[in-house]
Structure formats: structure tokens, C-alpha cells
C-alpha atoms as a PDB file:
ATOM      1  CA  UNK A   1      11.286  36.107 -10.025  1.00  0.00           C
ATOM      2  CA  UNK A   2      15.501  35.631 -11.449  1.00  0.00           C
ATOM      3  CA  UNK A   3      17.240  33.435 -12.822  1.00  0.00           C
ATOM      4  CA  UNK A   4      19.933  31.669 -11.842  1.00  0.00           C
ATOM      5  CA  UNK A   5      22.047  29.184 -14.197  1.00  0.00           C
ATOM      6  CA  UNK A   6      22.641  25.002 -13.192  1.00  0.00           C
ATOM      7  CA  UNK A   7      26.255  25.853 -11.950  1.00  0.00           C
ATOM      8  CA  UNK A   8      25.119  28.441  -9.284  1.00  0.00           C
ATOM      9  CA  UNK A   9      22.163  26.338  -8.041  1.00  0.00           C
ATOM     10  CA  UNK A  10      24.120  23.006  -7.796  1.00  0.00           C
ATOM     11  CA  UNK A  11      26.500  25.250  -5.562  1.00  0.00           C
ATOM     12  CA  UNK A  12      23.942  25.508  -3.407  1.00  0.00           C
ATOM     13  CA  UNK A  13      22.685  23.737  -0.374  1.00  0.00           C
ATOM     14  CA  UNK A  14      20.254  21.458   0.126  1.00  0.00           C
ATOM     15  CA  UNK A  15      18.154  20.490   3.120  1.00  0.00           C
ATOM     16  CA  UNK A  16      16.449  18.105   2.074  1.00  0.00           C
ATOM     17  CA  UNK A  17      17.910  15.688  -0.031  1.00  0.00           C
ATOM     18  CA  UNK A  18      16.515  12.616  -1.796  1.00  0.00           C
ATOM     19  CA  UNK A  19      19.591  10.813  -3.092  1.00  0.00           C
ATOM     20  CA  UNK A  20      18.595   7.494  -3.915  1.00  0.00           C
ATOM     21  CA  UNK A  21      15.220   8.451  -6.508  1.00  0.00           C
ATOM     22  CA  UNK A  22      15.271  12.077  -7.382  1.00  0.00           C
ATOM     23  CA  UNK A  23      12.894  14.436  -8.886  1.00  0.00           C
ATOM     24  CA  UNK A  24      11.423  13.038 -11.714  1.00  0.00           C
ATOM     25  CA  UNK A  25      12.649  14.472 -14.922  1.00  0.00           C
ATOM     26  CA  UNK A  26      10.697  14.687 -18.403  1.00  0.00           C
ATOM     27  CA  UNK A  27      13.753  16.754 -20.431  1.00  0.00           C
ATOM     28  CA  UNK A  28      11.520  17.744 -23.712  1.00  0.00           C
ATOM     29  CA  UNK A  29       9.680  20.293 -20.101  1.00  0.00           C
ATOM     30  CA  UNK A  30      13.258  21.438 -19.501  1.00  0.00           C
ATOM     31  CA  UNK A  31      14.384  22.298 -22.667  1.00  0.00           C
ATOM     32  CA  UNK A  32      11.624  23.543 -23.530  1.00  0.00           C
ATOM     33  CA  UNK A  33      11.313  26.102 -20.356  1.00  0.00           C
ATOM     34  CA  UNK A  34       8.127  24.380 -18.399  1.00  0.00           C
ATOM     35  CA  UNK A  35       9.947  24.258 -15.557  1.00  0.00           C
ATOM     36  CA  UNK A  36       8.437  25.212 -12.035  1.00  0.00           C
ATOM     37  CA  UNK A  37      10.185  27.812 -10.199  1.00  0.00           C
ATOM     38  CA  UNK A  38      12.720  26.541  -7.755  1.00  0.00           C
ATOM     39  CA  UNK A  39      12.279  27.686  -4.047  1.00  0.00           C
ATOM     40  CA  UNK A  40      14.673  29.905  -2.375  1.00  0.00           C
ATOM     41  CA  UNK A  41      15.729  30.406   1.060  1.00  0.00           C
ATOM     42  CA  UNK A  42      18.062  33.530   2.532  1.00  0.00           C
ATOM     43  CA  UNK A  43      18.239  33.173   5.701  1.00  0.00           C
ATOM     44  CA  UNK A  44      21.450  35.236   7.547  1.00  0.00           C
ATOM     45  CA  UNK A  45      24.350  33.499   8.809  1.00  0.00           C
ATOM     46  CA  UNK A  46      25.984  35.202  11.911  1.00  0.00           C
ATOM     47  CA  UNK A  47      28.396  36.767  10.330  1.00  0.00           C
ATOM     48  CA  UNK A  48      25.992  38.687   8.909  1.00  0.00           C
ATOM     49  CA  UNK A  49      25.925  37.944   5.501  1.00  0.00           C
ATOM     50  CA  UNK A  50      22.814  35.706   3.168  1.00  0.00           C
ATOM     51  CA  UNK A  51      22.732  32.279   3.015  1.00  0.00           C
ATOM     52  CA  UNK A  52      20.663  30.736  -0.112  1.00  0.00           C
ATOM     53  CA  UNK A  53      19.285  27.317  -0.064  1.00  0.00           C
ATOM     54  CA  UNK A  54      17.506  25.610  -2.612  1.00  0.00           C
ATOM     55  CA  UNK A  55      14.529  23.552  -0.861  1.00  0.00           C
ATOM     56  CA  UNK A  56      14.198  21.734  -4.491  1.00  0.00           C
ATOM     57  CA  UNK A  57      15.215  20.692  -7.786  1.00  0.00           C
ATOM     58  CA  UNK A  58      18.442  20.314  -7.426  1.00  0.00           C
ATOM     59  CA  UNK A  59      17.864  17.361 -10.525  1.00  0.00           C
ATOM     60  CA  UNK A  60      16.491  19.668 -12.343  1.00  0.00           C
ATOM     61  CA  UNK A  61      18.939  21.402 -12.148  1.00  0.00           C
ATOM     62  CA  UNK A  62      21.133  18.628 -13.279  1.00  0.00           C
ATOM     63  CA  UNK A  63      19.565  18.545 -15.702  1.00  0.00           C
ATOM     64  CA  UNK A  64      19.238  21.621 -16.964  1.00  0.00           C
ATOM     65  CA  UNK A  65      23.227  21.561 -17.002  1.00  0.00           C
ATOM     66  CA  UNK A  66      23.162  18.466 -19.247  1.00  0.00           C
ATOM     67  CA  UNK A  67      21.166  19.357 -21.765  1.00  0.00           C
ATOM     68  CA  UNK A  68      22.564  23.299 -22.324  1.00  0.00           C
ATOM     69  CA  UNK A  69      19.413  25.119 -20.366  1.00  0.00           C
ATOM     70  CA  UNK A  70      21.508  28.198 -19.841  1.00  0.00           C
ATOM     71  CA  UNK A  71      18.993  29.008 -16.697  1.00  0.00           C
ATOM     72  CA  UNK A  72      16.322  28.239 -14.317  1.00  0.00           C
ATOM     73  CA  UNK A  73      14.113  30.122 -12.754  1.00  0.00           C
ATOM     74  CA  UNK A  74      13.789  31.187  -9.511  1.00  0.00           C
ATOM     75  CA  UNK A  75      11.727  31.787  -6.581  1.00  0.00           C
ATOM     76  CA  UNK A  76      13.358  33.734  -3.813  1.00  0.00           C
ATOM     77  CA  UNK A  77      11.475  34.001   0.088  1.00  0.00           C
ATOM     78  CA  UNK A  78      12.926  35.065   3.347  1.00  0.00           C
ATOM     79  CA  UNK A  79      12.995  32.628   6.236  1.00  0.00           C
ATOM     80  CA  UNK A  80      10.979  33.936   8.221  1.00  0.00           C
ATOM     81  CA  UNK A  81       8.123  33.947   5.412  1.00  0.00           C
ATOM     82  CA  UNK A  82       9.035  30.465   5.057  1.00  0.00           C
ATOM     83  CA  UNK A  83      10.698  28.680   7.634  1.00  0.00           C
ATOM     84  CA  UNK A  84      11.875  25.391   7.975  1.00  0.00           C
ATOM     85  CA  UNK A  85       8.579  22.837   8.560  1.00  0.00           C
ATOM     86  CA  UNK A  86       6.659  25.212   5.743  1.00  0.00           C
ATOM     87  CA  UNK A  87      10.226  24.500   3.041  1.00  0.00           C
ATOM     88  CA  UNK A  88      10.070  20.998   3.776  1.00  0.00           C
ATOM     89  CA  UNK A  89       5.762  20.673   3.418  1.00  0.00           C
ATOM     90  CA  UNK A  90       7.258  22.832  -0.120  1.00  0.00           C
ATOM     91  CA  UNK A  91       9.239  20.347  -0.983  1.00  0.00           C
ATOM     92  CA  UNK A  92       7.371  16.815  -0.245  1.00  0.00           C
ATOM     93  CA  UNK A  93       4.545  18.632  -2.290  1.00  0.00           C
ATOM     94  CA  UNK A  94       6.736  19.679  -4.876  1.00  0.00           C
ATOM     95  CA  UNK A  95       8.506  16.297  -4.515  1.00  0.00           C
ATOM     96  CA  UNK A  96       5.034  14.214  -5.692  1.00  0.00           C
ATOM     97  CA  UNK A  97       6.181  11.101  -5.063  1.00  0.00           C
ATOM     98  CA  UNK A  98       3.680   9.941  -1.729  1.00  0.00           C
ATOM     99  CA  UNK A  99       3.743   5.910  -1.086  1.00  0.00           C
ATOM    100  CA  UNK A 100       7.633   5.728  -3.166  1.00  0.00           C
ATOM    101  CA  UNK A 101      10.345   6.352  -1.895  1.00  0.00           C
ATOM    102  CA  UNK A 102      12.337   4.552  -0.620  1.00  0.00           C
ATOM    103  CA  UNK A 103      12.904   3.001   3.075  1.00  0.00           C
ATOM    104  CA  UNK A 104      16.668   5.042   3.035  1.00  0.00           C
ATOM    105  CA  UNK A 105      14.877   7.636   2.137  1.00  0.00           C
ATOM    106  CA  UNK A 106      12.150   8.051   4.723  1.00  0.00           C
ATOM    107  CA  UNK A 107      14.643   7.587   6.993  1.00  0.00           C
ATOM    108  CA  UNK A 108      16.269  10.690   5.565  1.00  0.00           C
ATOM    109  CA  UNK A 109      13.686  12.137   5.902  1.00  0.00           C
ATOM    110  CA  UNK A 110      13.678  10.767   9.618  1.00  0.00           C
ATOM    111  CA  UNK A 111      16.681  12.498  10.155  1.00  0.00           C
ATOM    112  CA  UNK A 112      16.108  15.940   9.223  1.00  0.00           C
ATOM    113  CA  UNK A 113      12.866  16.399  11.057  1.00  0.00           C
ATOM    114  CA  UNK A 114      14.481  15.016  14.191  1.00  0.00           C
ATOM    115  CA  UNK A 115      17.486  17.511  13.595  1.00  0.00           C
ATOM    116  CA  UNK A 116      15.320  20.258  13.015  1.00  0.00           C
ATOM    117  CA  UNK A 117      12.188  19.598  15.778  1.00  0.00           C
ATOM    118  CA  UNK A 118       9.734  18.301  13.626  1.00  0.00           C
ATOM    119  CA  UNK A 119       7.998  14.840  15.647  1.00  0.00           C
ATOM    120  CA  UNK A 120       7.398  11.881  13.860  1.00  0.00           C
ATOM    121  CA  UNK A 121       3.689  12.515  14.253  1.00  0.00           C
ATOM    122  CA  UNK A 122       3.076  14.992  12.597  1.00  0.00           C
ATOM    123  CA  UNK A 123       0.365  15.385   9.859  1.00  0.00           C
ATOM    124  CA  UNK A 124       0.517  16.784   7.130  1.00  0.00           C
ATOM    125  CA  UNK A 125       4.547  15.870   6.806  1.00  0.00           C
ATOM    126  CA  UNK A 126       3.367  12.148   7.563  1.00  0.00           C
ATOM    127  CA  UNK A 127       0.628  12.407   4.829  1.00  0.00           C
ATOM    128  CA  UNK A 128       2.808  13.855   2.140  1.00  0.00           C
ATOM    129  CA  UNK A 129       5.120  11.098   2.709  1.00  0.00           C
ATOM    130  CA  UNK A 130       2.708   7.880   2.517  1.00  0.00           C
ATOM    131  CA  UNK A 131      -0.806   6.977   3.215  1.00  0.00           C
ATOM    132  CA  UNK A 132       0.216   3.906   5.163  1.00  0.00           C
ATOM    133  CA  UNK A 133       2.393   5.568   7.978  1.00  0.00           C
ATOM    134  CA  UNK A 134       5.983   4.608   6.702  1.00  0.00           C
ATOM    135  CA  UNK A 135       7.088   7.675   8.749  1.00  0.00           C
ATOM    136  CA  UNK A 136       7.055   6.193  12.202  1.00  0.00           C
ATOM    137  CA  UNK A 137       9.129   3.362  11.216  1.00  0.00           C
ATOM    138  CA  UNK A 138      11.959   5.296  10.412  1.00  0.00           C
ATOM    139  CA  UNK A 139      11.894   6.318  12.413  1.00  0.00           C
ATOM    140  CA  UNK A 140      12.390   2.826  14.941  1.00  0.00           C
ATOM    141  CA  UNK A 141      14.926   2.907  12.351  1.00  0.00           C
ATOM    142  CA  UNK A 142      17.102   6.012  12.932  1.00  0.00           C
ATOM    143  CA  UNK A 143      17.778   4.645  16.760  1.00  0.00           C
ATOM    144  CA  UNK A 144      19.288   0.883  15.029  1.00  0.00           C
ATOM    145  CA  UNK A 145      22.163  -0.298  15.086  1.00  0.00           C
ATOM    146  CA  UNK A 146      24.007  -0.448  11.477  1.00  0.00           C
ATOM    147  CA  UNK A 147      23.902  -3.731  11.055  1.00  0.00           C
ATOM    148  CA  UNK A 148      19.356  -4.619  12.224  1.00  0.00           C
ATOM    149  CA  UNK A 149      18.663  -0.291  10.201  1.00  0.00           C
ATOM    150  CA  UNK A 150      21.303  -2.141   7.261  1.00  0.00           C
ATOM    151  CA  UNK A 151      18.861  -5.402   6.869  1.00  0.00           C
ATOM    152  CA  UNK A 152      15.061  -3.586   7.876  1.00  0.00           C
ATOM    153  CA  UNK A 153      15.705  -0.409   5.949  1.00  0.00           C
ATOM    154  CA  UNK A 154      16.130  -3.122   2.947  1.00  0.00           C
ATOM    155  CA  UNK A 155      12.704  -5.031   4.572  1.00  0.00           C
ATOM    156  CA  UNK A 156      14.330  -7.779   4.854  1.00  0.00           C
ATOM    157  CA  UNK A 157      13.268  -8.612   8.181  1.00  0.00           C
ATOM    158  CA  UNK A 158      10.272  -6.321  10.144  1.00  0.00           C
ATOM    159  CA  UNK A 159      10.831  -3.505  12.129  1.00  0.00           C
ATOM    160  CA  UNK A 160      10.287  -5.336  15.524  1.00  0.00           C
ATOM    161  CA  UNK A 161      13.022  -8.199  14.862  1.00  0.00           C
ATOM    162  CA  UNK A 162      15.109  -5.415  14.149  1.00  0.00           C
ATOM    163  CA  UNK A 163      14.692  -3.953  17.038  1.00  0.00           C
ATOM    164  CA  UNK A 164      14.946  -7.703  19.125  1.00  0.00           C
ATOM    165  CA  UNK A 165      18.815  -7.863  17.882  1.00  0.00           C
ATOM    166  CA  UNK A 166      20.020  -5.190  20.100  1.00  0.00           C
ATOM    167  CA  UNK A 167      22.017  -8.659  21.703  1.00  0.00           C
ATOM    168  CA  UNK A 168      23.779  -9.414  18.632  1.00  0.00           C
ATOM    169  CA  UNK A 169      27.015  -7.694  17.885  1.00  0.00           C
ATOM    170  CA  UNK A 170      27.646  -5.677  14.724  1.00  0.00           C
ATOM    171  CA  UNK A 171      30.173  -7.832  12.772  1.00  0.00           C
ATOM    172  CA  UNK A 172      28.026 -11.579  14.364  1.00  0.00           C
ATOM    173  CA  UNK A 173      25.009 -10.136  12.088  1.00  0.00           C
ATOM    174  CA  UNK A 174      27.404  -9.208   9.673  1.00  0.00           C
ATOM    175  CA  UNK A 175      28.991 -12.457   9.126  1.00  0.00           C
ATOM    176  CA  UNK A 176      25.722 -14.227   8.936  1.00  0.00           C
ATOM    177  CA  UNK A 177      24.449 -11.973   6.227  1.00  0.00           C
ATOM    178  CA  UNK A 178      25.247 -14.204   3.101  1.00  0.00           C
ATOM    179  CA  UNK A 179      23.253 -16.945   5.135  1.00  0.00           C
ATOM    180  CA  UNK A 180      20.328 -14.468   5.448  1.00  0.00           C
ATOM    181  CA  UNK A 181      20.018 -13.494   2.009  1.00  0.00           C
ATOM    182  CA  UNK A 182      19.583 -16.890   1.064  1.00  0.00           C
ATOM    183  CA  UNK A 183      16.271 -17.053   3.512  1.00  0.00           C
ATOM    184  CA  UNK A 184      13.249 -17.035   3.519  1.00  0.00           C
ATOM    185  CA  UNK A 185      11.092 -14.353   5.098  1.00  0.00           C
ATOM    186  CA  UNK A 186       9.760 -15.784   7.311  1.00  0.00           C
ATOM    187  CA  UNK A 187      12.937 -18.403   7.317  1.00  0.00           C
ATOM    188  CA  UNK A 188      15.003 -15.204   8.801  1.00  0.00           C
ATOM    189  CA  UNK A 189      12.986 -13.610  11.513  1.00  0.00           C
ATOM    190  CA  UNK A 190      12.761 -16.969  13.421  1.00  0.00           C
ATOM    191  CA  UNK A 191      16.847 -17.677  12.444  1.00  0.00           C
ATOM    192  CA  UNK A 192      16.905 -13.814  14.134  1.00  0.00           C
ATOM    193  CA  UNK A 193      14.309 -14.537  17.267  1.00  0.00           C
ATOM    194  CA  UNK A 194      16.263 -17.777  17.885  1.00  0.00           C
ATOM    195  CA  UNK A 195      19.523 -15.907  17.825  1.00  0.00           C
ATOM    196  CA  UNK A 196      19.430 -13.677  20.599  1.00  0.00           C
ATOM    197  CA  UNK A 197      17.996 -16.611  22.915  1.00  0.00           C
ATOM    198  CA  UNK A 198      21.031 -18.511  22.570  1.00  0.00           C
ATOM    199  CA  UNK A 199      23.085 -15.823  23.165  1.00  0.00           C
ATOM    200  CA  UNK A 200      20.677 -14.234  25.684  1.00  0.00           C
ATOM    201  CA  UNK A 201      20.780 -17.878  27.292  1.00  0.00           C
ATOM    202  CA  UNK A 202      24.628 -18.418  27.567  1.00  0.00           C
ATOM    203  CA  UNK A 203      26.478 -15.185  26.771  1.00  0.00           C
ATOM    204  CA  UNK A 204      28.088 -13.536  24.203  1.00  0.00           C
ATOM    205  CA  UNK A 205      31.947 -14.924  24.412  1.00  0.00           C
ATOM    206  CA  UNK A 206      31.141 -16.980  21.667  1.00  0.00           C
ATOM    207  CA  UNK A 207      29.126 -15.150  19.379  1.00  0.00           C
ATOM    208  CA  UNK A 208      31.911 -14.857  16.515  1.00  0.00           C
ATOM    209  CA  UNK A 209      32.479 -18.999  17.214  1.00  0.00           C
ATOM    210  CA  UNK A 210      29.217 -19.202  17.074  1.00  0.00           C
ATOM    211  CA  UNK A 211      28.523 -17.635  13.785  1.00  0.00           C
ATOM    212  CA  UNK A 212      30.976 -19.105  12.363  1.00  0.00           C
ATOM    213  CA  UNK A 213      29.570 -22.367  12.482  1.00  0.00           C
ATOM    214  CA  UNK A 214      25.948 -21.489  11.550  1.00  0.00           C
ATOM    215  CA  UNK A 215      27.596 -19.373   8.569  1.00  0.00           C
ATOM    216  CA  UNK A 216      28.748 -22.553   7.661  1.00  0.00           C
ATOM    217  CA  UNK A 217      26.193 -25.319   8.436  1.00  0.00           C
ATOM    218  CA  UNK A 218      24.377 -26.365   5.407  1.00  0.00           C
ATOM    219  CA  UNK A 219      20.385 -25.907   7.082  1.00  0.00           C
ATOM    220  CA  UNK A 220      21.471 -22.544   8.840  1.00  0.00           C
ATOM    221  CA  UNK A 221      17.581 -22.614  10.064  1.00  0.00           C
ATOM    222  CA  UNK A 222      17.513 -26.137  11.473  1.00  0.00           C
ATOM    223  CA  UNK A 223      21.192 -25.439  12.932  1.00  0.00           C
ATOM    224  CA  UNK A 224      20.133 -22.440  14.593  1.00  0.00           C
ATOM    225  CA  UNK A 225      17.217 -24.705  16.155  1.00  0.00           C
ATOM    226  CA  UNK A 226      18.847 -27.381  17.046  1.00  0.00           C
ATOM    227  CA  UNK A 227      21.192 -25.336  19.249  1.00  0.00           C
ATOM    228  CA  UNK A 228      18.573 -22.940  20.444  1.00  0.00           C
ATOM    229  CA  UNK A 229      16.550 -26.093  21.407  1.00  0.00           C
ATOM    230  CA  UNK A 230      19.418 -29.143  22.574  1.00  0.00           C
ATOM    231  CA  UNK A 231      17.055 -31.796  24.024  1.00  0.00           C
ATOM    232  CA  UNK A 232      14.106 -31.652  21.569  1.00  0.00           C
ATOM    233  CA  UNK A 233      16.396 -31.801  18.728  1.00  0.00           C
ATOM    234  CA  UNK A 234      18.222 -34.646  20.450  1.00  0.00           C
ATOM    235  CA  UNK A 235      14.825 -36.464  21.114  1.00  0.00           C
ATOM    236  CA  UNK A 236      13.635 -35.742  17.311  1.00  0.00           C
ATOM    237  CA  UNK A 237      17.010 -37.281  15.923  1.00  0.00           C
ATOM    238  CA  UNK A 238      16.259 -40.635  18.318  1.00  0.00           C
ATOM    239  CA  UNK A 239      12.536 -40.666  17.211  1.00  0.00           C
ATOM    240  CA  UNK A 240      13.246 -40.164  13.571  1.00  0.00           C
ATOM    241  CA  UNK A 241      16.334 -43.495  14.359  1.00  0.00           C
ATOM    242  CA  UNK A 242      13.583 -45.128  15.296  1.00  0.00           C
ATOM    243  CA  UNK A 243      10.861 -44.784  12.420  1.00  0.00           C
ATOM    244  CA  UNK A 244      13.688 -45.560  10.307  1.00  0.00           C
ATOM    245  CA  UNK A 245      14.590 -48.768  12.574  1.00  0.00           C
ATOM    246  CA  UNK A 246      10.688 -50.244  11.913  1.00  0.00           C
ATOM    247  CA  UNK A 247       8.885 -48.299   9.357  1.00  0.00           C
ATOM    248  CA  UNK A 248      11.143 -47.688   6.801  1.00  0.00           C
ATOM    249  CA  UNK A 249      10.397 -48.609   3.088  1.00  0.00           C
ATOM    250  CA  UNK A 250       6.740 -49.821   5.459  1.00  0.00           C
ATOM    251  CA  UNK A 251       4.372 -47.321   3.979  1.00  0.00           C
ATOM    252  CA  UNK A 252       3.404 -46.407   8.009  1.00  0.00           C
ATOM    253  CA  UNK A 253       4.053 -42.731   9.209  1.00  0.00           C
ATOM    254  CA  UNK A 254       4.520 -42.779  12.413  1.00  0.00           C
ATOM    255  CA  UNK A 255       4.016 -39.093  14.206  1.00  0.00           C
ATOM    256  CA  UNK A 256       5.364 -37.568  17.614  1.00  0.00           C
ATOM    257  CA  UNK A 257       3.005 -35.633  20.275  1.00  0.00           C
ATOM    258  CA  UNK A 258       3.883 -31.618  18.746  1.00  0.00           C
ATOM    259  CA  UNK A 259       7.235 -30.443  20.860  1.00  0.00           C
ATOM    260  CA  UNK A 260       6.984 -34.514  22.526  1.00  0.00           C
ATOM    261  CA  UNK A 261       4.778 -32.655  24.834  1.00  0.00           C
ATOM    262  CA  UNK A 262       2.142 -35.539  25.934  1.00  0.00           C
ATOM    263  CA  UNK A 263       1.516 -39.179  24.967  1.00  0.00           C
ATOM    264  CA  UNK A 264       0.064 -39.429  21.721  1.00  0.00           C
ATOM    265  CA  UNK A 265       1.188 -40.774  19.177  1.00  0.00           C
ATOM    266  CA  UNK A 266      -0.474 -41.436  15.712  1.00  0.00           C
ATOM    267  CA  UNK A 267       0.396 -44.075  13.631  1.00  0.00           C
ATOM    268  CA  UNK A 268      -1.062 -43.808   9.165  1.00  0.00           C
ATOM    269  CA  UNK A 269      -1.128 -45.881   5.717  1.00  0.00           C
ATOM    270  CA  UNK A 270      -2.866 -46.891   2.739  1.00  0.00           C
ATOM    271  CA  UNK A 271      -3.890 -49.937   1.928  1.00  0.00           C
ATOM    272  CA  UNK A 272      -5.680 -51.630  -0.932  1.00  0.00           C
ATOM    273  CA  UNK A 273      -6.509 -55.375  -0.223  1.00  0.00           C
ATOM    274  CA  UNK A 274      -6.070 -58.050   2.694  1.00  0.00           C
ATOM    275  CA  UNK A 275      -2.701 -58.871   1.433  1.00  0.00           C
ATOM    276  CA  UNK A 276      -0.808 -55.790   1.833  1.00  0.00           C
ATOM    277  CA  UNK A 277      -2.681 -55.380   5.218  1.00  0.00           C
ATOM    278  CA  UNK A 278      -1.405 -58.282   6.444  1.00  0.00           C
ATOM    279  CA  UNK A 279       1.940 -56.562   5.721  1.00  0.00           C
ATOM    280  CA  UNK A 280       0.998 -54.042   8.406  1.00  0.00           C
ATOM    281  CA  UNK A 281      -0.185 -55.532  10.735  1.00  0.00           C
ATOM    282  CA  UNK A 282       2.627 -57.615  10.436  1.00  0.00           C
ATOM    283  CA  UNK A 283       5.130 -53.912  10.692  1.00  0.00           C
ATOM    284  CA  UNK A 284       2.802 -52.528  13.378  1.00  0.00           C
ATOM    285  CA  UNK A 285       3.018 -56.384  15.995  1.00  0.00           C
ATOM    286  CA  UNK A 286       6.379 -56.199  15.343  1.00  0.00           C
ATOM    287  CA  UNK A 287       7.116 -52.567  17.211  1.00  0.00           C
ATOM    288  CA  UNK A 288       3.944 -53.758  18.987  1.00  0.00           C
ATOM    289  CA  UNK A 289       6.374 -56.081  20.765  1.00  0.00           C
ATOM    290  CA  UNK A 290       9.902 -54.458  19.931  1.00  0.00           C
ATOM    291  CA  UNK A 291       9.074 -50.105  19.960  1.00  0.00           C
ATOM    292  CA  UNK A 292       8.309 -49.975  23.600  1.00  0.00           C
ATOM    293  CA  UNK A 293      11.526 -47.066  23.320  1.00  0.00           C
ATOM    294  CA  UNK A 294       9.362 -44.987  22.012  1.00  0.00           C
ATOM    295  CA  UNK A 295       7.389 -44.049  25.230  1.00  0.00           C
ATOM    296  CA  UNK A 296      11.237 -43.509  26.926  1.00  0.00           C
ATOM    297  CA  UNK A 297      10.940 -40.232  24.643  1.00  0.00           C
ATOM    298  CA  UNK A 298       7.831 -38.854  26.505  1.00  0.00           C
END
């Protein structure tokens, strides 16, 4: 066992670094010297010199420097006694934050594992990180482009939707970012899947113009649906016009079959006496005489 100053510790490379949520540090424990010894790995370099790596404890060292603590205890291992995978497991055990890693931190960890050749299915690493299998989606996010990964990391979209965005140019997603932030999770998924289908149908040639049009729309979800289903949107508009013309203010509600598939329309209304019922029937009689164009929609 030996001691090093906080400055010396903070100058050491850290192979496993969690930038968003550093290790929880109790200043009183640091002040009283009740922290665990910090693990170091010593490995030879090509030039024959030794290189020390701080496996865990950067936040403790930073806190100790801020409190004026002169030194912290450390314990050294030769790399042969603490190989990279074992060092990672030790780091995660000392970190002790199972189920409390952010999506970005799990991506950082997945990148480290990939570089070290540790498979995403490693049961010990996975169990120390999450009880819900958080590493698998982190590895999937690593394979995404920057904009889809950002949306998935911030949990604005699910991983499957993110993986489906490969056909959408990065600049289009960045242009649409403010509009996406104003949507619900469900609307965001519907919007992006519709956008992908439009680009697959029409090609990416006008993607920037499309992004500008959708970003400026008062209701981007409705706008993308209209572009995705132009014929259906036109039929819905004609149906709304027809309903307004015959039933506006009457209390009679006309409904079309889902997606205008089939010929079964429905009408509903409420009444509380013969006089009101007579008015409703009068409205329906007029519609029966003049509303034949309704059936042109199906």
C-alpha cells in the first residue's frame, strides 16, 4: 500500500471514465481519510518504462484536492494480476451504480468494451451495469449516426425508430430538432417513420426543402401525414367540407369508415323530445336528397 497526492492521481490516465455522473463522494469521509484505497494498474510500455492507470477514483481525488487533503492511499496491481476485463469489473464494483448509469454513460462503457474486445453479452459486466439489460441498446446506439444517436441517447425516440433513420440525412434531423422537441414520444415516432417512408418513396433529392417545410408547419405531425398519404388527406378534407356543409351546428355527427376502406358510414345524434328529433330528421332528409357525393369518396 502506498499514498499519492491528489494532483499526482489526477494526472494519471483513466481507462474507464464516466463524465456525467462521477462517483458519489462524501466530503466528510474524504476529510477523515476513510475512503477505500484507489486501484492502480501498472503496465510496461514499448520503451520498457512503467505506465500507471487510475482504474477508479478520479472524483475522490478531485474532492480531496478541493479539501486540501495531502494524499490518498492507493493499491497497485501488475497488469498480469489485474488484466483489462478484471480492471473494468473492479471499477464497476467500486462505482456501485447499478441501474443508475445514464444512456450516454452506457454508450461510453460500450465503446470501451468494444475497444477491449469484451462482448456486449458479458454477463458479469452487464449485471454490474443494469438489471434491465441496458448495455445491449447502448451497443446498438454506437452503430447509429450522430443525430439518431443523440435522439436515442436523450430518450426522445426508441432504438428501433433510431435505427430506421439511416435514410434521413443528418442535416435534416438537425433542422427538425426543434419541432421534434415539441412533440410527444408517440407523435415523434409516427412523424419520423412517416418521414422515412416519404424519403424512400420520393428520394432524398428534396430532403432539405422538405425539412424546411415541416419545420415551419403549425402542426408538423399533420403536415407529414398529409405528405405521406396525399390521396387519403384529400379525401379527409373533402369529407370535412361535406360534413360542415350539411351538419354544421345541427348536432348530427357523420363518420366515415377507417381510411375510407368499405362503404359503411355512420351517423349519430342526441335528442330530448319530438321537436328536436324532427329537426334532426329534417337535416338527414336534406342530406339524403343532396349528399350523394359522399359515396364518391369510397
